[in-house]
């Protein structure tokens, strides 16, 4: 199944069969506020939309995601997943997933997870000689690389350079 990357910005994305993903790494005071609309365009298709965000420092995410299925788009299966990792106590996330369905013969779901860094993971890495900031970056990297598992071997490219911008 094809994998497509998209940007988190105000836009409408036409979805056919495949996997779609985006990620956001926030640090310092970087924030993003966006309304994303996904329109399913073809009947008898299967798609997954995955959005991941890692928020350091005072960064924030305000995301409104809508999946729309018009009348006549039948026999589809779609899933919207949004996963946010709050690394700092000062970071914040507001996420609103929603669906507008005008057809009965579909399978559609959405989920959102917002969580903090597991203190036990942080302690483990620090006990192995990692500084707190370096340990947080390792955990954040693993969180983003999870895309590879969900999309059967697809490796997201470019996020390591964004993580390098975070000062240790």
N, C-alpha and C. Protein backbone atom coordinates (compact mmCIF):
# COMPACT_ATOMS: atom_id res chain seq x y z
N UNK A 1 0.85 -1.18 0.00
CA UNK A 1 0.00 0.00 0.00
C UNK A 1 0.89 1.24 0.00
N UNK A 2 0.54 2.24 -0.77
CA UNK A 2 1.37 3.43 -0.88
C UNK A 2 1.37 4.23 0.44
N UNK A 3 2.45 4.97 0.66
CA UNK A 3 2.58 5.82 1.84
C UNK A 3 2.86 7.23 1.35
N UNK A 4 2.08 8.20 1.84
CA UNK A 4 2.27 9.60 1.44
C UNK A 4 2.42 10.46 2.68
N UNK A 5 3.39 11.37 2.63
CA UNK A 5 3.58 12.32 3.70
C UNK A 5 2.84 13.61 3.34
N UNK A 6 2.25 14.25 4.34
CA UNK A 6 1.60 15.54 4.12
C UNK A 6 2.06 16.50 5.21
N UNK A 7 1.84 17.78 4.99
CA UNK A 7 2.21 18.81 5.96
C UNK A 7 1.03 19.13 6.86
N UNK A 8 1.33 19.44 8.10
CA UNK A 8 0.29 19.89 9.03
C UNK A 8 0.13 21.39 8.81
N UNK A 9 -0.88 21.74 8.04
CA UNK A 9 -1.22 23.13 7.76
C UNK A 9 -2.68 23.16 7.33
N UNK A 10 -3.29 24.32 7.31
CA UNK A 10 -4.68 24.42 6.88
C UNK A 10 -4.77 23.95 5.42
N UNK A 11 -5.48 22.85 5.21
CA UNK A 11 -5.62 22.33 3.85
C UNK A 11 -6.66 21.23 3.80
N UNK A 12 -7.12 20.93 2.58
CA UNK A 12 -7.99 19.79 2.31
C UNK A 12 -7.17 18.81 1.50
N UNK A 13 -7.17 17.55 1.94
CA UNK A 13 -6.41 16.51 1.28
C UNK A 13 -7.37 15.45 0.75
N UNK A 14 -7.28 15.17 -0.53
CA UNK A 14 -8.09 14.14 -1.16
C UNK A 14 -7.42 12.79 -0.88
N UNK A 15 -8.19 11.87 -0.33
CA UNK A 15 -7.65 10.57 0.08
C UNK A 15 -8.22 9.47 -0.80
N UNK A 16 -7.33 8.63 -1.31
CA UNK A 16 -7.76 7.39 -1.94
C UNK A 16 -7.09 6.28 -1.13
N UNK A 17 -6.93 5.13 -1.67
CA UNK A 17 -6.35 4.02 -0.93
C UNK A 17 -4.89 4.33 -0.57
N UNK A 18 -4.49 4.01 0.66
CA UNK A 18 -3.11 4.19 1.06
C UNK A 18 -2.96 4.66 2.49
N UNK A 19 -1.73 4.88 2.87
CA UNK A 19 -1.38 5.36 4.20
C UNK A 19 -0.86 6.79 4.07
N UNK A 20 -1.32 7.64 4.96
CA UNK A 20 -0.95 9.05 4.95
C UNK A 20 -0.43 9.42 6.33
N UNK A 21 0.68 10.17 6.38
CA UNK A 21 1.20 10.54 7.69
C UNK A 21 1.80 11.93 7.67
N UNK A 22 1.89 12.48 8.88
CA UNK A 22 2.57 13.75 9.11
C UNK A 22 3.12 13.71 10.52
N UNK A 23 4.16 14.51 10.74
CA UNK A 23 4.67 14.64 12.11
C UNK A 23 5.06 16.09 12.34
N UNK A 24 5.06 16.45 13.61
CA UNK A 24 5.44 17.80 14.03
C UNK A 24 6.32 17.66 15.26
N UNK A 25 7.47 18.32 15.23
CA UNK A 25 8.35 18.36 16.39
C UNK A 25 8.44 19.81 16.82
N UNK A 26 7.89 20.09 18.00
CA UNK A 26 7.88 21.45 18.51
C UNK A 26 8.92 21.62 19.60
N UNK A 27 9.66 22.73 19.54
CA UNK A 27 10.62 23.05 20.59
C UNK A 27 10.68 24.57 20.73
N UNK A 28 11.31 25.03 21.80
CA UNK A 28 11.30 26.45 22.17
C UNK A 28 9.84 26.90 22.27
N UNK A 29 9.46 27.93 21.55
CA UNK A 29 8.07 28.40 21.57
C UNK A 29 7.34 28.07 20.27
N UNK A 30 7.86 27.12 19.51
CA UNK A 30 7.27 26.76 18.23
C UNK A 30 5.86 26.19 18.46
N UNK A 31 4.93 26.69 17.68
CA UNK A 31 3.57 26.17 17.81
C UNK A 31 2.95 26.06 16.43
N UNK A 32 1.91 25.26 16.38
CA UNK A 32 1.20 25.09 15.12
C UNK A 32 -0.29 25.03 15.44
N UNK A 33 -1.05 25.75 14.64
CA UNK A 33 -2.50 25.72 14.73
C UNK A 33 -2.99 25.42 13.33
N UNK A 34 -3.77 24.35 13.20
CA UNK A 34 -4.13 23.91 11.86
C UNK A 34 -5.50 23.25 11.83
N UNK A 35 -6.16 23.41 10.67
CA UNK A 35 -7.39 22.69 10.38
C UNK A 35 -7.12 21.84 9.15
N UNK A 36 -7.18 20.54 9.35
CA UNK A 36 -6.97 19.59 8.26
C UNK A 36 -8.30 18.92 7.92
N UNK A 37 -8.57 18.80 6.62
CA UNK A 37 -9.77 18.12 6.17
C UNK A 37 -9.34 17.03 5.19
N UNK A 38 -9.77 15.82 5.45
CA UNK A 38 -9.47 14.69 4.58
C UNK A 38 -10.77 14.24 3.92
N UNK A 39 -10.79 14.27 2.59
CA UNK A 39 -11.98 13.85 1.84
C UNK A 39 -11.69 12.54 1.13
N UNK A 40 -12.47 11.52 1.46
CA UNK A 40 -12.32 10.24 0.77
C UNK A 40 -13.01 10.34 -0.57
N UNK A 41 -12.32 9.92 -1.62
CA UNK A 41 -12.79 10.19 -2.98
C UNK A 41 -13.23 8.96 -3.77
N UNK A 42 -12.83 7.78 -3.34
CA UNK A 42 -13.11 6.58 -4.13
C UNK A 42 -13.79 5.52 -3.28
N UNK A 43 -14.82 4.85 -3.83
CA UNK A 43 -15.42 3.72 -3.11
C UNK A 43 -14.48 2.52 -3.10
N UNK A 44 -14.74 1.60 -2.20
CA UNK A 44 -14.00 0.34 -2.10
C UNK A 44 -12.51 0.56 -1.86
N UNK A 45 -12.17 1.52 -1.03
CA UNK A 45 -10.77 1.83 -0.73
C UNK A 45 -10.50 1.66 0.77
N UNK A 46 -9.23 1.55 1.12
CA UNK A 46 -8.82 1.44 2.51
C UNK A 46 -7.70 2.45 2.75
N UNK A 47 -7.81 3.21 3.83
CA UNK A 47 -6.78 4.21 4.11
C UNK A 47 -6.56 4.36 5.62
N UNK A 48 -5.35 4.77 5.96
CA UNK A 48 -5.01 5.10 7.33
C UNK A 48 -4.32 6.45 7.33
N UNK A 49 -4.72 7.31 8.25
CA UNK A 49 -4.12 8.63 8.40
C UNK A 49 -3.50 8.67 9.79
N UNK A 50 -2.21 8.94 9.86
CA UNK A 50 -1.49 8.96 11.13
C UNK A 50 -0.78 10.29 11.29
N UNK A 51 -1.03 10.96 12.41
CA UNK A 51 -0.36 12.22 12.74
C UNK A 51 0.32 12.03 14.08
N UNK A 52 1.62 12.36 14.12
CA UNK A 52 2.38 12.26 15.36
C UNK A 52 3.00 13.61 15.67
N UNK A 53 3.01 13.98 16.95
CA UNK A 53 3.63 15.23 17.37
C UNK A 53 4.41 14.99 18.65
N UNK A 54 5.59 15.61 18.72
CA UNK A 54 6.42 15.60 19.92
C UNK A 54 6.63 17.05 20.31
N UNK A 55 6.29 17.38 21.55
CA UNK A 55 6.34 18.77 21.99
C UNK A 55 7.30 18.95 23.17
N UNK A 56 8.35 19.72 22.92
CA UNK A 56 9.34 20.07 23.94
C UNK A 56 9.08 21.50 24.42
N UNK A 57 9.76 21.90 25.48
CA UNK A 57 9.79 23.28 25.97
C UNK A 57 8.37 23.86 26.11
N UNK A 58 8.13 25.04 25.53
CA UNK A 58 6.82 25.69 25.59
C UNK A 58 6.08 25.57 24.26
N UNK A 59 6.37 24.54 23.49
CA UNK A 59 5.72 24.39 22.19
C UNK A 59 4.28 23.92 22.37
N UNK A 60 3.49 24.15 21.32
CA UNK A 60 2.07 23.77 21.42
C UNK A 60 1.53 23.30 20.07
N UNK A 61 0.48 22.54 20.15
CA UNK A 61 -0.22 22.02 18.97
C UNK A 61 -1.71 22.24 19.19
N UNK A 62 -2.36 22.85 18.21
CA UNK A 62 -3.80 23.04 18.21
C UNK A 62 -4.29 22.51 16.86
N UNK A 63 -4.90 21.35 16.86
CA UNK A 63 -5.18 20.64 15.62
C UNK A 63 -6.65 20.23 15.56
N UNK A 64 -7.28 20.57 14.45
CA UNK A 64 -8.67 20.21 14.18
C UNK A 64 -8.66 19.37 12.91
N UNK A 65 -9.00 18.09 13.02
CA UNK A 65 -8.96 17.18 11.87
C UNK A 65 -10.35 16.63 11.58
N UNK A 66 -10.75 16.74 10.33
CA UNK A 66 -12.05 16.25 9.89
C UNK A 66 -11.85 15.24 8.76
N UNK A 67 -12.47 14.08 8.90
CA UNK A 67 -12.52 13.10 7.82
C UNK A 67 -13.93 13.15 7.26
N UNK A 68 -14.04 13.38 5.95
CA UNK A 68 -15.35 13.54 5.31
C UNK A 68 -15.56 12.43 4.27
N UNK A 69 -16.75 11.81 4.35
CA UNK A 69 -17.14 10.79 3.38
C UNK A 69 -18.48 11.21 2.80
N UNK A 70 -18.50 11.49 1.50
CA UNK A 70 -19.72 11.93 0.83
C UNK A 70 -20.60 10.74 0.46
N UNK A 71 -21.85 11.03 0.20
CA UNK A 71 -22.80 10.03 -0.27
C UNK A 71 -22.25 9.38 -1.55
N UNK A 72 -22.39 8.07 -1.62
CA UNK A 72 -21.92 7.35 -2.80
C UNK A 72 -20.52 6.75 -2.65
N UNK A 73 -19.80 7.16 -1.64
CA UNK A 73 -18.46 6.59 -1.39
C UNK A 73 -18.67 5.40 -0.44
N UNK A 74 -18.91 4.22 -1.01
CA UNK A 74 -19.29 3.03 -0.23
C UNK A 74 -18.14 2.05 -0.11
N UNK A 75 -18.33 1.11 0.82
CA UNK A 75 -17.39 0.00 1.01
C UNK A 75 -15.97 0.48 1.28
N UNK A 76 -15.81 1.48 2.11
CA UNK A 76 -14.47 1.94 2.44
C UNK A 76 -14.16 1.65 3.91
N UNK A 77 -12.89 1.67 4.20
CA UNK A 77 -12.41 1.54 5.57
C UNK A 77 -11.37 2.63 5.77
N UNK A 78 -11.56 3.45 6.79
CA UNK A 78 -10.60 4.52 7.05
C UNK A 78 -10.38 4.67 8.54
N UNK A 79 -9.18 5.06 8.89
CA UNK A 79 -8.81 5.21 10.30
C UNK A 79 -7.94 6.47 10.43
N UNK A 80 -8.31 7.33 11.36
CA UNK A 80 -7.53 8.53 11.68
C UNK A 80 -6.96 8.35 13.07
N UNK A 81 -5.63 8.40 13.19
CA UNK A 81 -4.96 8.29 14.49
C UNK A 81 -4.09 9.51 14.70
N UNK A 82 -4.23 10.13 15.86
CA UNK A 82 -3.39 11.27 16.22
C UNK A 82 -2.74 10.94 17.55
N UNK A 83 -1.41 11.00 17.58
CA UNK A 83 -0.65 10.65 18.77
C UNK A 83 0.29 11.80 19.12
N UNK A 84 0.22 12.27 20.37
CA UNK A 84 1.01 13.41 20.81
C UNK A 84 1.80 13.02 22.05
N UNK A 85 3.10 13.34 22.05
CA UNK A 85 3.96 13.12 23.19
C UNK A 85 4.38 14.47 23.76
N UNK A 86 3.96 14.75 24.99
CA UNK A 86 4.34 15.98 25.68
C UNK A 86 5.62 15.69 26.47
N UNK A 87 6.73 16.24 26.02
CA UNK A 87 8.01 15.99 26.68
C UNK A 87 8.18 16.93 27.87
N UNK A 88 7.69 18.14 27.74
CA UNK A 88 7.83 19.15 28.78
C UNK A 88 6.49 19.39 29.48
N UNK A 89 6.57 19.74 30.75
CA UNK A 89 5.35 20.11 31.49
C UNK A 89 4.76 21.42 30.95
N UNK A 90 5.56 22.21 30.25
CA UNK A 90 5.12 23.49 29.71
C UNK A 90 4.58 23.40 28.29
N UNK A 91 4.67 22.23 27.66
CA UNK A 91 4.13 22.07 26.32
C UNK A 91 2.64 21.74 26.44
N UNK A 92 1.90 21.97 25.34
CA UNK A 92 0.47 21.72 25.40
C UNK A 92 -0.07 21.26 24.04
N UNK A 93 -1.18 20.54 24.11
CA UNK A 93 -1.81 20.05 22.89
C UNK A 93 -3.32 20.07 23.05
N UNK A 94 -3.98 20.53 22.00
CA UNK A 94 -5.44 20.48 21.89
C UNK A 94 -5.73 19.86 20.54
N UNK A 95 -6.38 18.72 20.55
CA UNK A 95 -6.63 17.98 19.32
C UNK A 95 -8.12 17.62 19.25
N UNK A 96 -8.71 17.89 18.11
CA UNK A 96 -10.13 17.59 17.91
C UNK A 96 -10.30 16.78 16.62
N UNK A 97 -10.39 15.45 16.75
CA UNK A 97 -10.68 14.63 15.57
C UNK A 97 -12.19 14.54 15.38
N UNK A 98 -12.64 14.56 14.13
CA UNK A 98 -14.07 14.43 13.87
C UNK A 98 -14.31 13.78 12.51
N UNK A 99 -15.53 13.31 12.35
CA UNK A 99 -15.90 12.66 11.10
C UNK A 99 -17.25 13.19 10.65
N UNK A 100 -17.36 13.40 9.34
CA UNK A 100 -18.62 13.81 8.71
C UNK A 100 -18.94 12.73 7.68
N UNK A 101 -19.88 11.88 8.03
CA UNK A 101 -20.17 10.70 7.23
C UNK A 101 -21.56 10.84 6.61
N UNK A 102 -21.63 10.71 5.28
CA UNK A 102 -22.91 10.80 4.56
C UNK A 102 -23.24 9.50 3.85
N UNK A 103 -22.68 8.41 4.33
CA UNK A 103 -22.91 7.10 3.71
C UNK A 103 -22.95 6.06 4.83
N UNK A 104 -23.80 5.04 4.68
CA UNK A 104 -23.96 4.01 5.71
C UNK A 104 -22.97 2.86 5.57
N UNK A 105 -22.58 2.52 4.37
CA UNK A 105 -21.82 1.31 4.10
C UNK A 105 -20.31 1.57 4.17
N UNK A 106 -19.83 1.96 5.36
CA UNK A 106 -18.39 2.21 5.55
C UNK A 106 -17.96 1.77 6.94
N UNK A 107 -16.65 1.64 7.11
CA UNK A 107 -16.04 1.44 8.42
C UNK A 107 -15.09 2.60 8.63
N UNK A 108 -15.35 3.38 9.66
CA UNK A 108 -14.50 4.55 9.92
C UNK A 108 -14.26 4.67 11.42
N UNK A 109 -13.05 5.07 11.78
CA UNK A 109 -12.73 5.26 13.20
C UNK A 109 -11.72 6.39 13.33
N UNK A 110 -11.70 6.95 14.53
CA UNK A 110 -10.68 7.94 14.84
C UNK A 110 -10.28 7.80 16.29
N UNK A 111 -9.03 8.17 16.59
CA UNK A 111 -8.54 8.11 17.96
C UNK A 111 -7.48 9.17 18.17
N UNK A 112 -7.38 9.62 19.40
CA UNK A 112 -6.36 10.59 19.78
C UNK A 112 -5.74 10.13 21.09
N UNK A 113 -4.42 10.19 21.16
CA UNK A 113 -3.70 9.88 22.38
C UNK A 113 -2.76 11.03 22.67
N UNK A 114 -2.86 11.59 23.86
CA UNK A 114 -1.93 12.63 24.31
C UNK A 114 -1.35 12.14 25.63
N UNK A 115 -0.02 12.03 25.67
CA UNK A 115 0.62 11.52 26.88
C UNK A 115 1.96 12.16 27.12
N UNK A 116 2.50 11.89 28.30
CA UNK A 116 3.80 12.42 28.71
C UNK A 116 4.86 11.33 28.58
N UNK A 117 6.10 11.75 28.71
CA UNK A 117 7.21 10.81 28.72
C UNK A 117 7.08 9.94 29.97
N UNK A 118 7.26 8.64 29.81
CA UNK A 118 7.20 7.71 30.92
C UNK A 118 8.41 7.95 31.83
N UNK A 119 8.19 8.31 33.10
CA UNK A 119 9.32 8.57 34.01
C UNK A 119 10.26 7.38 34.16
N UNK A 120 9.72 6.16 34.04
CA UNK A 120 10.58 4.97 34.16
C UNK A 120 11.52 4.86 32.97
N UNK A 121 11.04 5.19 31.77
CA UNK A 121 11.91 5.17 30.59
C UNK A 121 13.01 6.22 30.74
N UNK A 122 12.61 7.39 31.20
CA UNK A 122 13.57 8.48 31.41
C UNK A 122 14.62 8.07 32.45
N UNK A 123 14.18 7.50 33.56
CA UNK A 123 15.09 7.06 34.61
C UNK A 123 16.06 6.00 34.08
N UNK A 124 15.53 5.04 33.31
CA UNK A 124 16.38 3.99 32.76
C UNK A 124 17.51 4.57 31.91
N UNK A 125 17.16 5.48 31.01
CA UNK A 125 18.19 6.06 30.14
C UNK A 125 19.17 6.93 30.93
N UNK A 126 18.68 7.68 31.89
CA UNK A 126 19.58 8.51 32.72
C UNK A 126 20.51 7.63 33.54
N UNK A 127 20.02 6.47 34.00
CA UNK A 127 20.87 5.56 34.78
C UNK A 127 21.93 4.91 33.90
N UNK A 128 21.77 5.01 32.58
CA UNK A 128 22.76 4.48 31.64
C UNK A 128 23.70 5.58 31.13
N UNK A 129 23.64 6.76 31.75
CA UNK A 129 24.58 7.83 31.42
C UNK A 129 24.06 8.92 30.51
N UNK A 130 22.81 8.81 30.06
CA UNK A 130 22.24 9.85 29.21
C UNK A 130 21.86 11.06 30.06
N UNK A 131 22.10 12.25 29.53
CA UNK A 131 21.56 13.45 30.19
C UNK A 131 20.04 13.42 30.02
N UNK A 132 19.33 14.21 30.81
CA UNK A 132 17.87 14.22 30.71
C UNK A 132 17.43 14.63 29.30
N UNK A 133 18.05 15.67 28.75
CA UNK A 133 17.66 16.16 27.42
C UNK A 133 17.96 15.11 26.35
N UNK A 134 19.12 14.45 26.44
CA UNK A 134 19.47 13.41 25.46
C UNK A 134 18.50 12.23 25.57
N UNK A 135 18.14 11.86 26.79
CA UNK A 135 17.19 10.77 27.00
C UNK A 135 15.83 11.13 26.40
N UNK A 136 15.41 12.38 26.57
CA UNK A 136 14.14 12.82 25.99
C UNK A 136 14.19 12.75 24.46
N UNK A 137 15.32 13.10 23.87
CA UNK A 137 15.45 13.04 22.41
C UNK A 137 15.40 11.59 21.92
N UNK A 138 15.99 10.68 22.66
CA UNK A 138 15.97 9.26 22.29
C UNK A 138 14.52 8.74 22.34
N UNK A 139 13.80 9.10 23.38
CA UNK A 139 12.41 8.67 23.51
C UNK A 139 11.57 9.29 22.38
N UNK A 140 11.79 10.56 22.09
CA UNK A 140 11.06 11.23 21.00
C UNK A 140 11.35 10.57 19.66
N UNK A 141 12.60 10.21 19.43
CA UNK A 141 12.97 9.55 18.18
C UNK A 141 12.24 8.22 18.03
N UNK A 142 12.19 7.45 19.09
CA UNK A 142 11.47 6.18 19.05
C UNK A 142 9.97 6.37 18.80
N UNK A 143 9.43 7.43 19.38
CA UNK A 143 8.02 7.74 19.20
C UNK A 143 7.70 8.02 17.73
N UNK A 144 8.55 8.80 17.07
CA UNK A 144 8.33 9.11 15.65
C UNK A 144 8.62 7.88 14.78
N UNK A 145 9.66 7.14 15.12
CA UNK A 145 10.02 5.95 14.31
C UNK A 145 8.95 4.88 14.36
N UNK A 146 8.01 4.99 15.29
CA UNK A 146 6.90 4.04 15.36
C UNK A 146 6.10 4.03 14.06
N UNK A 147 6.22 5.09 13.28
CA UNK A 147 5.57 5.13 11.96
C UNK A 147 6.02 3.92 11.13
N UNK A 148 7.27 3.56 11.28
CA UNK A 148 7.83 2.43 10.54
C UNK A 148 7.08 1.13 10.84
N UNK A 149 6.73 0.91 12.10
CA UNK A 149 5.98 -0.29 12.48
C UNK A 149 4.55 -0.24 11.93
N UNK A 150 3.93 0.90 12.06
CA UNK A 150 2.53 1.02 11.64
C UNK A 150 2.37 0.93 10.13
N UNK A 151 3.40 1.33 9.39
CA UNK A 151 3.32 1.32 7.93
C UNK A 151 4.26 0.29 7.33
N UNK A 152 4.46 -0.80 8.02
CA UNK A 152 5.18 -1.97 7.52
C UNK A 152 6.49 -1.66 6.83
N UNK A 153 7.41 -1.05 7.57
CA UNK A 153 8.74 -0.85 7.06
C UNK A 153 9.02 0.50 6.44
N UNK A 154 8.00 1.35 6.26
CA UNK A 154 8.25 2.68 5.71
C UNK A 154 9.02 3.50 6.75
N UNK A 155 10.14 4.06 6.36
CA UNK A 155 10.97 4.82 7.29
C UNK A 155 10.76 6.32 7.05
N UNK A 156 10.24 7.04 8.06
CA UNK A 156 10.11 8.49 7.90
C UNK A 156 11.48 9.14 7.84
N UNK A 157 11.65 10.07 6.94
CA UNK A 157 12.95 10.70 6.73
C UNK A 157 12.88 12.17 7.13
N UNK A 158 13.95 12.66 7.73
CA UNK A 158 14.06 14.10 8.00
C UNK A 158 13.84 14.50 9.44
N UNK A 159 13.18 13.68 10.22
CA UNK A 159 12.87 14.13 11.58
C UNK A 159 14.11 14.18 12.47
N UNK A 160 15.15 13.38 12.16
CA UNK A 160 16.37 13.41 12.96
C UNK A 160 17.01 14.79 12.93
N UNK A 161 16.98 15.45 11.77
CA UNK A 161 17.56 16.80 11.66
C UNK A 161 16.80 17.78 12.53
N UNK A 162 15.48 17.62 12.61
CA UNK A 162 14.70 18.51 13.49
C UNK A 162 15.04 18.26 14.95
N UNK A 163 15.22 17.00 15.32
CA UNK A 163 15.59 16.69 16.71
C UNK A 163 16.97 17.25 17.06
N UNK A 164 17.88 17.30 16.08
CA UNK A 164 19.21 17.84 16.33
C UNK A 164 19.19 19.32 16.70
N UNK A 165 18.14 20.03 16.30
CA UNK A 165 18.03 21.45 16.61
C UNK A 165 17.77 21.71 18.09
N UNK A 166 17.34 20.69 18.79
CA UNK A 166 17.04 20.84 20.22
C UNK A 166 18.34 20.83 20.99
N UNK A 167 18.56 21.86 21.78
CA UNK A 167 19.81 21.99 22.53
C UNK A 167 19.86 21.00 23.67
N UNK A 168 21.02 20.39 23.84
CA UNK A 168 21.22 19.46 24.96
C UNK A 168 21.65 20.21 26.20
